[in-house]
Amino acid sequence: MTQNGSRTALGRVLRRVENDGGDGVLAALAGLPGADLTTLQLELARRRAAALSPADVLAQYRRDRFTAPSPVPFRALRRVEDALLDAVAAQPEPADVVTLAPLAPLGTHSVLATVDQNKVVTTARGTDVAADPTNALALEAAVRRRAAAPRDVVRLAAVQRVVRAQFVDAAGMFAHFSLFAQVTAGRDPGGRSFERAALAEQLSVVTRALDGLGADGVEVRLTVLDPAFRAVADGVAGAGAVDDPDRATGRGYYEGLCFKVVARFGGGEPQEVGDGGFVGWARDLLSNGKERLLISGLGVDRLASFS
């Protein structure tokens, strides 16, 4: 858009908002078409940036937790990423490793995963800064499932640097960090066979990667949320998988079955390094009750700190 065109669009948007003054301003802004809201936000950002000096920019860089470099050394992160991707490649049917965009459509995290939008960094152009790669992988899996044969299974994986807006004052908790994620999407032909196979495949990647990173022990804590998934859990029982019926978190987020991954390094205390479970996102995205989706993630920075 030309500079004159931008001014014309801005004037039109401002008149519309001003006509709904007082308590109606927020409602007017929320009701603006996406392009109009973007026009307004870009002008606000332009004006605020124009008032800054180089010293102001440096000062924000020094104090803002979202812009500071990671305290975890690059080589440590890369070592963990390599171990995870090697574990994916070693699978009989390896997932397609996707390079995700750093942005996702507005609402990707709050609409799909019921995460509070205030925990997500939203941009002036109507997108979300990536907060969880499983959400974006679920979108990509839905696109591929729509184009695939009904019995085709879509397996995707990614390593992505993400940003979380909520402040957590605890060791090993950062404003931005890397996550390794897997999603497996398809339909169950009967007897929960899709669910059993998908769970076994993803846990195989997780345990192989942690073994490669020198974990002394790996424990997968399974929580059955629906009795119909008891056989799914039994299919991976033993070999480090144990029941965790008292888990409180994840209920309402996962359905059927969920799990936590706990590992011990160097004789230290067990540390939670991953999480996963079945979700209804594919069913909702494709408006098809037969669609199934398993997601899981591992914290790359946490693993780099422990291993």
Protein backbone atom coordinates (compact mmCIF):
# COMPACT_ATOMS: atom_id res chain seq x y z
CA MET A 1 0.00 0.00 0.00
CA THR A 2 1.30 3.51 -0.83
CA GLN A 3 1.88 6.08 1.90
CA ASN A 4 -1.18 8.08 0.76
CA GLY A 5 -3.26 4.90 0.63
CA SER A 6 -2.16 4.01 4.14
CA ARG A 7 -3.20 7.45 5.42
CA THR A 8 -6.59 7.14 3.74
CA ALA A 9 -7.19 3.71 5.28
CA LEU A 10 -6.05 4.94 8.68
CA GLY A 11 -8.40 7.94 8.55
CA ARG A 12 -11.34 5.69 7.69
CA VAL A 13 -10.55 3.32 10.57
CA LEU A 14 -10.12 6.17 13.08
CA ARG A 15 -13.45 7.71 12.12
CA ARG A 16 -15.15 4.37 12.65
CA VAL A 17 -13.58 3.92 16.09
CA GLU A 18 -14.25 7.52 17.16
CA ASN A 19 -17.91 7.16 16.28
CA ASP A 20 -18.10 4.38 18.88
CA GLY A 21 -16.40 6.43 21.63
CA GLY A 22 -16.40 5.80 25.37
CA ASP A 23 -17.02 2.24 26.48
CA GLY A 24 -17.66 1.22 22.90
CA VAL A 25 -14.07 1.81 21.75
CA LEU A 26 -12.80 -1.64 22.75
CA ALA A 27 -15.83 -3.30 21.20
CA ALA A 28 -15.32 -1.25 18.04
CA LEU A 29 -11.67 -2.26 17.85
CA ALA A 30 -12.49 -5.92 18.44
CA GLY A 31 -15.10 -5.78 15.71
CA LEU A 32 -12.87 -4.24 13.06
CA PRO A 33 -12.11 -6.37 10.00
CA GLY A 34 -8.63 -7.91 10.25
CA ALA A 35 -7.10 -5.60 7.63
CA ASP A 36 -8.46 -2.48 9.35
CA LEU A 37 -7.19 -3.55 12.77
CA THR A 38 -3.79 -4.28 11.26
CA THR A 39 -3.72 -0.80 9.71
CA LEU A 40 -4.37 0.78 13.10
CA GLN A 41 -1.85 -1.37 14.97
CA LEU A 42 0.88 -0.77 12.39
CA GLU A 43 0.41 2.97 12.66
CA LEU A 44 0.62 2.76 16.44
CA ALA A 45 3.81 0.69 16.22
CA ARG A 46 5.28 3.10 13.65
CA ARG A 47 4.65 6.12 15.87
CA ARG A 48 6.00 4.45 18.99
CA ALA A 49 9.12 3.24 17.17
CA ALA A 50 9.69 6.70 15.69
CA ALA A 51 9.92 8.16 19.19
CA LEU A 52 12.71 5.79 20.22
CA SER A 53 16.46 6.40 20.18
CA PRO A 54 19.16 3.74 19.75
CA ALA A 55 19.75 4.03 23.50
CA ASP A 56 16.08 3.25 24.13
CA VAL A 57 16.30 0.13 21.96
CA LEU A 58 19.42 -1.05 23.78
CA ALA A 59 17.79 -0.41 27.15
CA GLN A 60 14.80 -2.59 26.25
CA TYR A 61 17.10 -5.30 24.92
CA ARG A 62 18.92 -5.36 28.25
CA ARG A 63 15.80 -5.52 30.45
CA ASP A 64 13.23 -7.42 28.35
CA ARG A 65 13.10 -11.15 29.11
CA PHE A 66 11.63 -11.83 25.66
CA THR A 67 14.65 -10.42 23.80
CA ALA A 68 17.60 -11.69 25.84
CA PRO A 69 19.68 -14.55 24.41
CA SER A 70 19.17 -18.01 25.82
CA PRO A 71 21.34 -18.82 28.86
CA VAL A 72 21.76 -22.37 27.50
CA PRO A 73 24.85 -22.72 25.25
CA PHE A 74 24.12 -23.23 21.56
CA ARG A 75 26.24 -26.38 21.32
CA ALA A 76 24.34 -27.98 24.20
CA LEU A 77 21.03 -27.26 22.47
CA ARG A 78 22.33 -28.54 19.15
CA ARG A 79 23.53 -31.79 20.73
CA VAL A 80 20.04 -32.46 22.10
CA GLU A 81 18.38 -31.54 18.81
CA ASP A 82 20.67 -33.93 16.91
CA ALA A 83 19.88 -36.79 19.32
CA LEU A 84 16.15 -36.19 18.92
CA LEU A 85 16.26 -36.00 15.14
CA ASP A 86 18.49 -39.09 14.96
CA ALA A 87 15.87 -40.95 16.99
CA VAL A 88 13.18 -39.87 14.53
CA ALA A 89 15.28 -41.00 11.55
CA ALA A 90 15.84 -44.43 13.13
CA GLN A 91 12.12 -45.25 13.11
CA PRO A 92 10.85 -47.85 10.59
CA GLU A 93 8.40 -45.19 9.37
CA PRO A 94 10.06 -41.90 10.35
CA ALA A 95 8.08 -38.72 10.74
CA ASP A 96 8.51 -35.93 8.23
CA VAL A 97 10.58 -33.27 10.01
CA VAL A 98 9.01 -29.88 9.26
CA THR A 99 10.62 -26.44 9.53
CA LEU A 100 7.79 -24.48 11.09
CA ALA A 101 7.26 -20.75 10.66
CA PRO A 102 7.92 -18.63 13.77
CA LEU A 103 4.34 -17.32 13.52
CA ALA A 104 0.97 -19.08 13.56
CA PRO A 105 -2.56 -17.90 12.74
CA LEU A 106 -4.23 -15.81 15.44
CA GLY A 107 -5.94 -18.13 17.90
CA THR A 108 -3.89 -21.22 17.03
CA HIS A 109 -3.02 -21.83 20.67
CA SER A 110 -6.17 -20.56 22.40
CA VAL A 111 -8.73 -22.01 19.98
CA LEU A 112 -7.11 -25.41 19.44
CA ALA A 113 -5.49 -25.97 22.80
CA THR A 114 -7.62 -23.79 25.12
CA VAL A 115 -4.53 -21.85 26.23
CA ASP A 116 -5.30 -18.35 27.53
CA GLN A 117 -4.57 -15.86 24.73
CA ASN A 118 -2.80 -13.66 27.30
CA LYS A 119 -0.08 -16.32 27.52
CA VAL A 120 0.65 -15.89 23.82
CA VAL A 121 2.55 -13.01 22.16
CA THR A 122 0.21 -11.65 19.48
CA THR A 123 1.58 -9.56 16.61
CA ALA A 124 0.20 -6.38 15.03
CA ARG A 125 -0.48 -8.33 11.84
CA GLY A 126 -3.01 -10.70 13.34
CA THR A 127 -0.76 -13.67 14.04
CA ASP A 128 0.57 -15.42 17.14
CA VAL A 129 4.25 -15.87 17.88
CA ALA A 130 4.78 -19.62 18.10
CA ALA A 131 4.17 -20.88 21.65
CA ASP A 132 3.92 -24.64 21.03
CA PRO A 133 4.96 -26.54 17.89
CA THR A 134 2.29 -29.21 18.39
CA ASN A 135 -0.39 -26.64 17.52
CA ALA A 136 1.22 -25.67 14.22
CA LEU A 137 2.01 -29.31 13.42
CA ALA A 138 -1.65 -30.14 14.03
CA LEU A 139 -2.63 -27.55 11.40
CA GLU A 140 -0.15 -28.98 8.92
CA ALA A 141 -1.30 -32.52 9.69
CA ALA A 142 -4.91 -31.46 9.05
CA VAL A 143 -3.93 -30.03 5.65
CA ARG A 144 -2.16 -33.27 4.74
CA ARG A 145 -4.93 -35.49 6.09
CA ARG A 146 -7.50 -33.62 4.00
CA ALA A 147 -5.50 -34.45 0.87
CA ALA A 148 -4.68 -38.04 1.90
CA ALA A 149 -6.49 -41.34 1.60
CA PRO A 150 -8.61 -42.15 4.70
CA ARG A 151 -6.21 -44.87 5.91
CA ASP A 152 -3.03 -42.82 5.40
CA VAL A 153 -1.16 -41.87 8.57
CA VAL A 154 0.52 -38.47 8.80
CA ARG A 155 3.62 -38.37 11.00
CA LEU A 156 5.28 -35.00 11.60
CA ALA A 157 8.02 -33.72 13.88
CA ALA A 158 9.72 -30.39 14.47
CA VAL A 159 12.13 -28.48 16.67
CA GLN A 160 10.96 -24.92 17.22
CA ARG A 161 11.99 -21.95 19.34
CA VAL A 162 8.85 -20.75 21.10
CA VAL A 163 7.81 -17.83 23.30
CA ARG A 164 5.52 -17.99 26.33
CA ALA A 165 4.17 -14.73 27.76
CA GLN A 166 3.40 -15.89 31.31
CA PHE A 167 6.10 -15.19 33.87
CA VAL A 168 7.39 -18.19 35.83
CA ASP A 169 10.09 -17.46 38.40
CA ALA A 170 11.67 -20.90 38.63
CA ALA A 171 14.96 -22.53 37.69
CA GLY A 172 15.07 -23.75 34.12
CA MET A 173 11.98 -21.74 33.06
CA PHE A 174 12.62 -19.25 30.27
CA ALA A 175 10.56 -16.76 28.25
CA HIS A 176 11.75 -18.43 25.05
CA PHE A 177 12.99 -21.98 24.62
CA SER A 178 13.10 -24.84 22.14
CA LEU A 179 10.64 -27.71 22.00
CA PHE A 180 10.82 -30.97 20.10
CA ALA A 181 7.34 -32.07 19.04
CA GLN A 182 5.71 -35.04 17.35
CA VAL A 183 2.18 -35.41 15.99
CA THR A 184 0.61 -38.51 14.49
CA ALA A 185 -2.71 -38.09 12.67
CA GLY A 186 -5.02 -40.65 11.10
CA ARG A 187 -8.17 -42.70 11.55
CA ASP A 188 -8.71 -45.70 13.77
CA PRO A 189 -9.78 -48.64 11.60
CA GLY A 190 -11.09 -50.35 14.72
CA GLY A 191 -10.02 -51.69 18.09
CA ARG A 192 -7.96 -48.56 18.90
CA SER A 193 -5.23 -49.94 16.65
CA PHE A 194 -4.28 -46.45 15.44
CA GLU A 195 -3.95 -45.20 18.99
CA ARG A 196 -1.85 -48.19 20.08
CA ALA A 197 0.52 -47.89 17.12
CA ALA A 198 0.85 -44.10 17.36
CA LEU A 199 1.62 -44.20 21.08
CA ALA A 200 4.22 -46.96 20.68
CA GLU A 201 5.93 -45.08 17.83
CA GLN A 202 6.19 -41.75 19.63
CA LEU A 203 7.40 -43.31 22.87
CA SER A 204 9.99 -45.26 20.90
CA VAL A 205 11.43 -41.98 19.59
CA VAL A 206 11.39 -40.43 23.06
CA THR A 207 13.10 -43.31 24.85
CA ARG A 208 15.71 -43.80 22.08
CA ALA A 209 16.61 -40.10 22.17
CA LEU A 210 16.91 -40.02 25.95
CA ASP A 211 19.07 -43.12 25.93
CA GLY A 212 21.29 -41.41 23.38
CA LEU A 213 21.58 -38.39 25.65
CA GLY A 214 22.84 -40.59 28.48
CA ALA A 215 19.77 -40.85 30.69
CA ASP A 216 20.28 -43.24 33.60
CA GLY A 217 16.62 -44.14 33.54
CA VAL A 218 13.47 -43.15 31.66
CA GLU A 219 9.96 -43.52 33.03
CA VAL A 220 6.76 -42.91 31.06
CA ARG A 221 3.88 -42.17 33.41
CA LEU A 222 0.58 -43.08 31.75
CA THR A 223 -2.78 -41.66 32.80
CA VAL A 224 -5.91 -43.30 31.39
CA LEU A 225 -8.64 -40.66 31.10
CA ASP A 226 -11.20 -42.91 29.41
CA PRO A 227 -11.59 -46.61 30.30
CA ALA A 228 -11.79 -47.38 26.57
CA PHE A 229 -8.08 -46.49 26.39
CA ARG A 230 -7.03 -49.04 29.00
CA ALA A 231 -5.93 -51.43 26.25
CA VAL A 232 -3.89 -48.64 24.63
CA ALA A 233 -1.96 -48.12 27.86
CA ASP A 234 -1.53 -51.87 28.36
CA GLY A 235 0.06 -52.06 24.90
CA VAL A 236 3.07 -50.08 26.10
CA ALA A 237 3.10 -51.32 29.70
CA GLY A 238 6.44 -52.36 31.12
CA ALA A 239 9.82 -51.25 29.78
CA GLY A 240 9.65 -48.02 31.79
CA ALA A 241 5.91 -47.34 31.39
CA VAL A 242 3.90 -47.12 34.63
CA ASP A 243 0.38 -46.08 35.58
CA ASP A 244 -0.12 -42.57 36.96
CA PRO A 245 -3.84 -42.48 37.82
CA ASP A 246 -3.59 -39.50 40.20
CA ARG A 247 -2.26 -37.00 37.66
CA ALA A 248 -4.20 -33.74 38.01
CA THR A 249 -2.84 -31.67 35.11
CA GLY A 250 -3.86 -32.16 31.50
CA ARG A 251 -7.44 -33.22 32.20
CA GLY A 252 -9.64 -31.28 29.81
CA TYR A 253 -6.67 -30.70 27.52
CA TYR A 254 -6.03 -34.34 26.64
CA GLU A 255 -8.65 -36.98 26.04
CA GLY A 256 -8.48 -40.75 26.33
CA LEU A 257 -4.89 -41.03 27.56
CA CYS A 258 -1.97 -38.77 28.38
CA PHE A 259 1.55 -39.27 29.66
CA LYS A 260 4.54 -37.58 31.22
CA VAL A 261 8.17 -38.43 30.51
CA VAL A 262 10.55 -38.42 33.48
CA ALA A 263 14.30 -38.99 33.13
CA ARG A 264 17.28 -39.13 35.45
CA PHE A 265 20.76 -37.96 34.47
CA GLY A 266 24.06 -38.44 36.21
CA GLY A 267 22.51 -40.12 39.23
CA GLY A 268 20.46 -37.01 40.00
CA GLU A 269 16.81 -36.64 40.88
CA PRO A 270 14.16 -37.62 38.29
CA GLN A 271 13.21 -34.65 36.10
CA GLU A 272 10.08 -34.16 34.02
CA VAL A 273 11.26 -33.54 30.46
CA GLY A 274 8.22 -34.24 28.27
CA ASP A 275 4.48 -34.58 27.98
CA GLY A 276 1.92 -35.87 25.51
CA GLY A 277 -1.45 -37.40 24.86
CA PHE A 278 -4.42 -37.68 22.54
CA VAL A 279 -6.36 -34.52 21.62
CA GLY A 280 -9.48 -33.74 19.65
CA TRP A 281 -7.92 -31.06 17.45
CA ALA A 282 -7.92 -33.07 14.20
CA ARG A 283 -11.56 -33.99 14.72
CA ASP A 284 -12.45 -30.32 15.17
CA LEU A 285 -10.23 -29.00 12.36
CA LEU A 286 -11.58 -31.47 9.81
CA SER A 287 -15.13 -31.67 11.19
CA ASN A 288 -14.84 -35.45 11.22
CA GLY A 289 -15.43 -37.49 14.34
CA LYS A 290 -13.26 -40.32 13.02
CA GLU A 291 -10.04 -38.28 12.94
CA ARG A 292 -7.45 -39.04 15.63
CA LEU A 293 -4.37 -37.11 16.78
CA LEU A 294 -1.55 -37.89 19.21
CA ILE A 295 0.83 -35.11 20.23
CA SER A 296 3.94 -35.02 22.39
CA GLY A 297 6.76 -32.65 23.23
CA LEU A 298 10.14 -32.62 24.94
CA GLY A 299 11.90 -29.56 26.36
CA VAL A 300 15.18 -29.15 24.49
CA ASP A 301 16.58 -26.52 26.89
CA ARG A 302 15.70 -28.63 29.92
CA LEU A 303 17.39 -31.67 28.41
CA ALA A 304 20.45 -29.60 27.53
CA SER A 305 20.64 -28.41 31.15
CA PHE A 306 20.34 -31.90 32.62
CA SER A 307 22.18 -34.13 30.17
